[in-house]
Amino acid sequence: MLRTILIGSSVSIQGVFERKLECGRILVRVGDSLFAGRPVCG
């Protein structure tokens, strides 16, 4: 499933959902890289 996350105040990344972290952020995979950020709702 594709998910979009925010990193910082204005950078968004869309990738394949990996898992939810304890702090409320989620991990998404883009190619071989993993990114953590706040999920975008809506």
PDB file of N, CA and C in Angstrom:
ATOM      1  N   MET A   1       0.845  -1.162   0.000  1.00  0.00           N
ATOM      2  CA  MET A   1       0.000   0.000   0.000  1.00  0.00           C
ATOM      3  C   MET A   1       0.901   1.239   0.000  1.00  0.00           C
ATOM      4  N   LEU A   2       0.608   2.198  -0.861  1.00  0.00           N
ATOM      5  CA  LEU A   2       1.366   3.447  -0.893  1.00  0.00           C
ATOM      6  C   LEU A   2       0.888   4.375   0.213  1.00  0.00           C
ATOM      7  N   ARG A   3       1.832   5.024   0.858  1.00  0.00           N
ATOM      8  CA  ARG A   3       1.526   6.013   1.900  1.00  0.00           C
ATOM      9  C   ARG A   3       2.392   7.229   1.670  1.00  0.00           C
ATOM     10  N   THR A   4       1.894   8.386   2.100  1.00  0.00           N
ATOM     11  CA  THR A   4       2.637   9.635   1.998  1.00  0.00           C
ATOM     12  C   THR A   4       2.987  10.100   3.405  1.00  0.00           C
ATOM     13  N   ILE A   5       4.243  10.535   3.580  1.00  0.00           N
ATOM     14  CA  ILE A   5       4.686  11.035   4.880  1.00  0.00           C
ATOM     15  C   ILE A   5       5.263  12.436   4.699  1.00  0.00           C
ATOM     16  N   LEU A   6       5.278  13.183   5.798  1.00  0.00           N
ATOM     17  CA  LEU A   6       5.920  14.489   5.836  1.00  0.00           C
ATOM     18  C   LEU A   6       7.214  14.387   6.621  1.00  0.00           C
ATOM     19  N   ILE A   7       8.264  14.957   6.051  1.00  0.00           N
ATOM     20  CA  ILE A   7       9.553  15.059   6.729  1.00  0.00           C
ATOM     21  C   ILE A   7       9.831  16.542   6.868  1.00  0.00           C
ATOM     22  N   GLY A   8       9.944  17.009   8.080  1.00  0.00           N
ATOM     23  CA  GLY A   8      10.096  18.445   8.295  1.00  0.00           C
ATOM     24  C   GLY A   8       8.759  19.145   8.065  1.00  0.00           C
ATOM     25  N   SER A   9       8.807  20.393   7.588  1.00  0.00           N
ATOM     26  CA  SER A   9       7.563  21.148   7.439  1.00  0.00           C
ATOM     27  C   SER A   9       7.014  21.135   6.017  1.00  0.00           C
ATOM     28  N   SER A  10       7.867  20.805   5.019  1.00  0.00           N
ATOM     29  CA  SER A  10       7.356  20.917   3.652  1.00  0.00           C
ATOM     30  C   SER A  10       7.816  19.823   2.693  1.00  0.00           C
ATOM     31  N   VAL A  11       8.563  18.842   3.155  1.00  0.00           N
ATOM     32  CA  VAL A  11       9.031  17.770   2.279  1.00  0.00           C
ATOM     33  C   VAL A  11       8.129  16.557   2.468  1.00  0.00           C
ATOM     34  N   SER A  12       7.530  16.090   1.370  1.00  0.00           N
ATOM     35  CA  SER A  12       6.697  14.891   1.446  1.00  0.00           C
ATOM     36  C   SER A  12       7.308  13.799   0.584  1.00  0.00           C
ATOM     37  N   ILE A  13       7.131  12.564   1.029  1.00  0.00           N
ATOM     38  CA  ILE A  13       7.652  11.391   0.331  1.00  0.00           C
ATOM     39  C   ILE A  13       6.533  10.371   0.249  1.00  0.00           C
ATOM     40  N   GLN A  14       6.392   9.762  -0.927  1.00  0.00           N
ATOM     41  CA  GLN A  14       5.406   8.704  -1.098  1.00  0.00           C
ATOM     42  C   GLN A  14       6.136   7.408  -1.377  1.00  0.00           C
ATOM     43  N   GLY A  15       5.772   6.369  -0.638  1.00  0.00           N
ATOM     44  CA  GLY A  15       6.427   5.083  -0.811  1.00  0.00           C
ATOM     45  C   GLY A  15       5.561   3.963  -0.272  1.00  0.00           C
ATOM     46  N   VAL A  16       6.096   2.769  -0.315  1.00  0.00           N
ATOM     47  CA  VAL A  16       5.389   1.573   0.141  1.00  0.00           C
ATOM     48  C   VAL A  16       5.468   1.501   1.663  1.00  0.00           C
ATOM     49  N   PHE A  17       4.314   1.350   2.309  1.00  0.00           N
ATOM     50  CA  PHE A  17       4.241   1.273   3.773  1.00  0.00           C
ATOM     51  C   PHE A  17       5.024   0.063   4.270  1.00  0.00           C
ATOM     52  N   GLU A  18       5.875   0.287   5.284  1.00  0.00           N
ATOM     53  CA  GLU A  18       6.638  -0.795   5.908  1.00  0.00           C
ATOM     54  C   GLU A  18       6.084  -1.139   7.283  1.00  0.00           C
ATOM     55  N   ARG A  19       6.068  -0.153   8.188  1.00  0.00           N
ATOM     56  CA  ARG A  19       5.531  -0.402   9.535  1.00  0.00           C
ATOM     57  C   ARG A  19       5.317   0.911  10.271  1.00  0.00           C
ATOM     58  N   LYS A  20       4.517   0.826  11.347  1.00  0.00           N
ATOM     59  CA  LYS A  20       4.279   1.975  12.212  1.00  0.00           C
ATOM     60  C   LYS A  20       5.278   1.930  13.362  1.00  0.00           C
ATOM     61  N   LEU A  21       5.846   3.073  13.705  1.00  0.00           N
ATOM     62  CA  LEU A  21       6.791   3.159  14.811  1.00  0.00           C
ATOM     63  C   LEU A  21       6.063   3.539  16.091  1.00  0.00           C
ATOM     64  N   GLU A  22       6.669   3.265  17.234  1.00  0.00           N
ATOM     65  CA  GLU A  22       6.047   3.530  18.536  1.00  0.00           C
ATOM     66  C   GLU A  22       5.752   5.012  18.747  1.00  0.00           C
ATOM     67  N   CYS A  23       6.537   5.890  18.137  1.00  0.00           N
ATOM     68  CA  CYS A  23       6.384   7.323  18.350  1.00  0.00           C
ATOM     69  C   CYS A  23       5.266   7.932  17.493  1.00  0.00           C
ATOM     70  N   GLY A  24       4.574   7.113  16.699  1.00  0.00           N
ATOM     71  CA  GLY A  24       3.481   7.609  15.868  1.00  0.00           C
ATOM     72  C   GLY A  24       3.860   7.861  14.423  1.00  0.00           C
ATOM     73  N   ARG A  25       5.172   7.830  14.138  1.00  0.00           N
ATOM     74  CA  ARG A  25       5.610   7.989  12.757  1.00  0.00           C
ATOM     75  C   ARG A  25       5.510   6.642  12.037  1.00  0.00           C
ATOM     76  N   ILE A  26       5.617   6.668  10.708  1.00  0.00           N
ATOM     77  CA  ILE A  26       5.611   5.434   9.942  1.00  0.00           C
ATOM     78  C   ILE A  26       6.841   5.381   9.040  1.00  0.00           C
ATOM     79  N   LEU A  27       7.195   4.164   8.645  1.00  0.00           N
ATOM     80  CA  LEU A  27       8.297   3.945   7.716  1.00  0.00           C
ATOM     81  C   LEU A  27       7.730   3.623   6.344  1.00  0.00           C
ATOM     82  N   VAL A  28       8.298   4.250   5.308  1.00  0.00           N
ATOM     83  CA  VAL A  28       7.948   3.907   3.936  1.00  0.00           C
ATOM     84  C   VAL A  28       9.228   3.566   3.185  1.00  0.00           C
ATOM     85  N   ARG A  29       9.115   2.685   2.202  1.00  0.00           N
ATOM     86  CA  ARG A  29      10.251   2.256   1.398  1.00  0.00           C
ATOM     87  C   ARG A  29      10.136   2.862   0.000  1.00  0.00           C
ATOM     88  N   VAL A  30      11.254   3.469  -0.444  1.00  0.00           N
ATOM     89  CA  VAL A  30      11.365   3.970  -1.808  1.00  0.00           C
ATOM     90  C   VAL A  30      12.624   3.333  -2.391  1.00  0.00           C
ATOM     91  N   GLY A  31      12.436   2.363  -3.257  1.00  0.00           N
ATOM     92  CA  GLY A  31      13.579   1.604  -3.770  1.00  0.00           C
ATOM     93  C   GLY A  31      14.241   0.838  -2.642  1.00  0.00           C
ATOM     94  N   ASP A  32      15.528   1.089  -2.417  1.00  0.00           N
ATOM     95  CA  ASP A  32      16.260   0.422  -1.337  1.00  0.00           C
ATOM     96  C   ASP A  32      16.325   1.256  -0.063  1.00  0.00           C
ATOM     97  N   SER A  33      15.713   2.436  -0.054  1.00  0.00           N
ATOM     98  CA  SER A  33      15.806   3.358   1.085  1.00  0.00           C
ATOM     99  C   SER A  33      14.542   3.351   1.921  1.00  0.00           C
ATOM    100  N   LEU A  34      14.718   3.512   3.243  1.00  0.00           N
ATOM    101  CA  LEU A  34      13.601   3.651   4.171  1.00  0.00           C
ATOM    102  C   LEU A  34      13.572   5.078   4.700  1.00  0.00           C
ATOM    103  N   PHE A  35      12.364   5.636   4.804  1.00  0.00           N
ATOM    104  CA  PHE A  35      12.183   6.983   5.323  1.00  0.00           C
ATOM    105  C   PHE A  35      11.138   6.946   6.424  1.00  0.00           C
ATOM    106  N   ALA A  36      11.363   7.709   7.489  1.00  0.00           N
ATOM    107  CA  ALA A  36      10.411   7.810   8.593  1.00  0.00           C
ATOM    108  C   ALA A  36       9.865   9.230   8.621  1.00  0.00           C
ATOM    109  N   GLY A  37       8.560   9.338   8.879  1.00  0.00           N
ATOM    110  CA  GLY A  37       7.954  10.662   8.965  1.00  0.00           C
ATOM    111  C   GLY A  37       6.531  10.567   9.478  1.00  0.00           C
ATOM    112  N   ARG A  38       5.897  11.727   9.579  1.00  0.00           N
ATOM    113  CA  ARG A  38       4.511  11.792  10.031  1.00  0.00           C
ATOM    114  C   ARG A  38       3.579  11.447   8.878  1.00  0.00           C
ATOM    115  N   PRO A  39       2.596  10.560   9.093  1.00  0.00           N
ATOM    116  CA  PRO A  39       1.669  10.211   8.017  1.00  0.00           C
ATOM    117  C   PRO A  39       0.798  11.400   7.634  1.00  0.00           C
ATOM    118  N   VAL A  40       0.511  11.522   6.349  1.00  0.00           N
ATOM    119  CA  VAL A  40      -0.387  12.547   5.839  1.00  0.00           C
ATOM    120  C   VAL A  40      -1.789  11.959   5.830  1.00  0.00           C
ATOM    121  N   CYS A  41      -2.724  12.607   6.494  1.00  0.00           N
ATOM    122  CA  CYS A  41      -4.106  12.122   6.535  1.00  0.00           C
ATOM    123  C   CYS A  41      -4.906  12.794   5.428  1.00  0.00           C
ATOM    124  N   GLY A  42      -5.802  12.030   4.852  1.00  0.00           N
ATOM    125  CA  GLY A  42      -6.707  12.597   3.862  1.00  0.00           C
ATOM    126  C   GLY A  42      -6.351  12.217   2.559  1.00  0.00           C
TER     127      GLY A  42
END
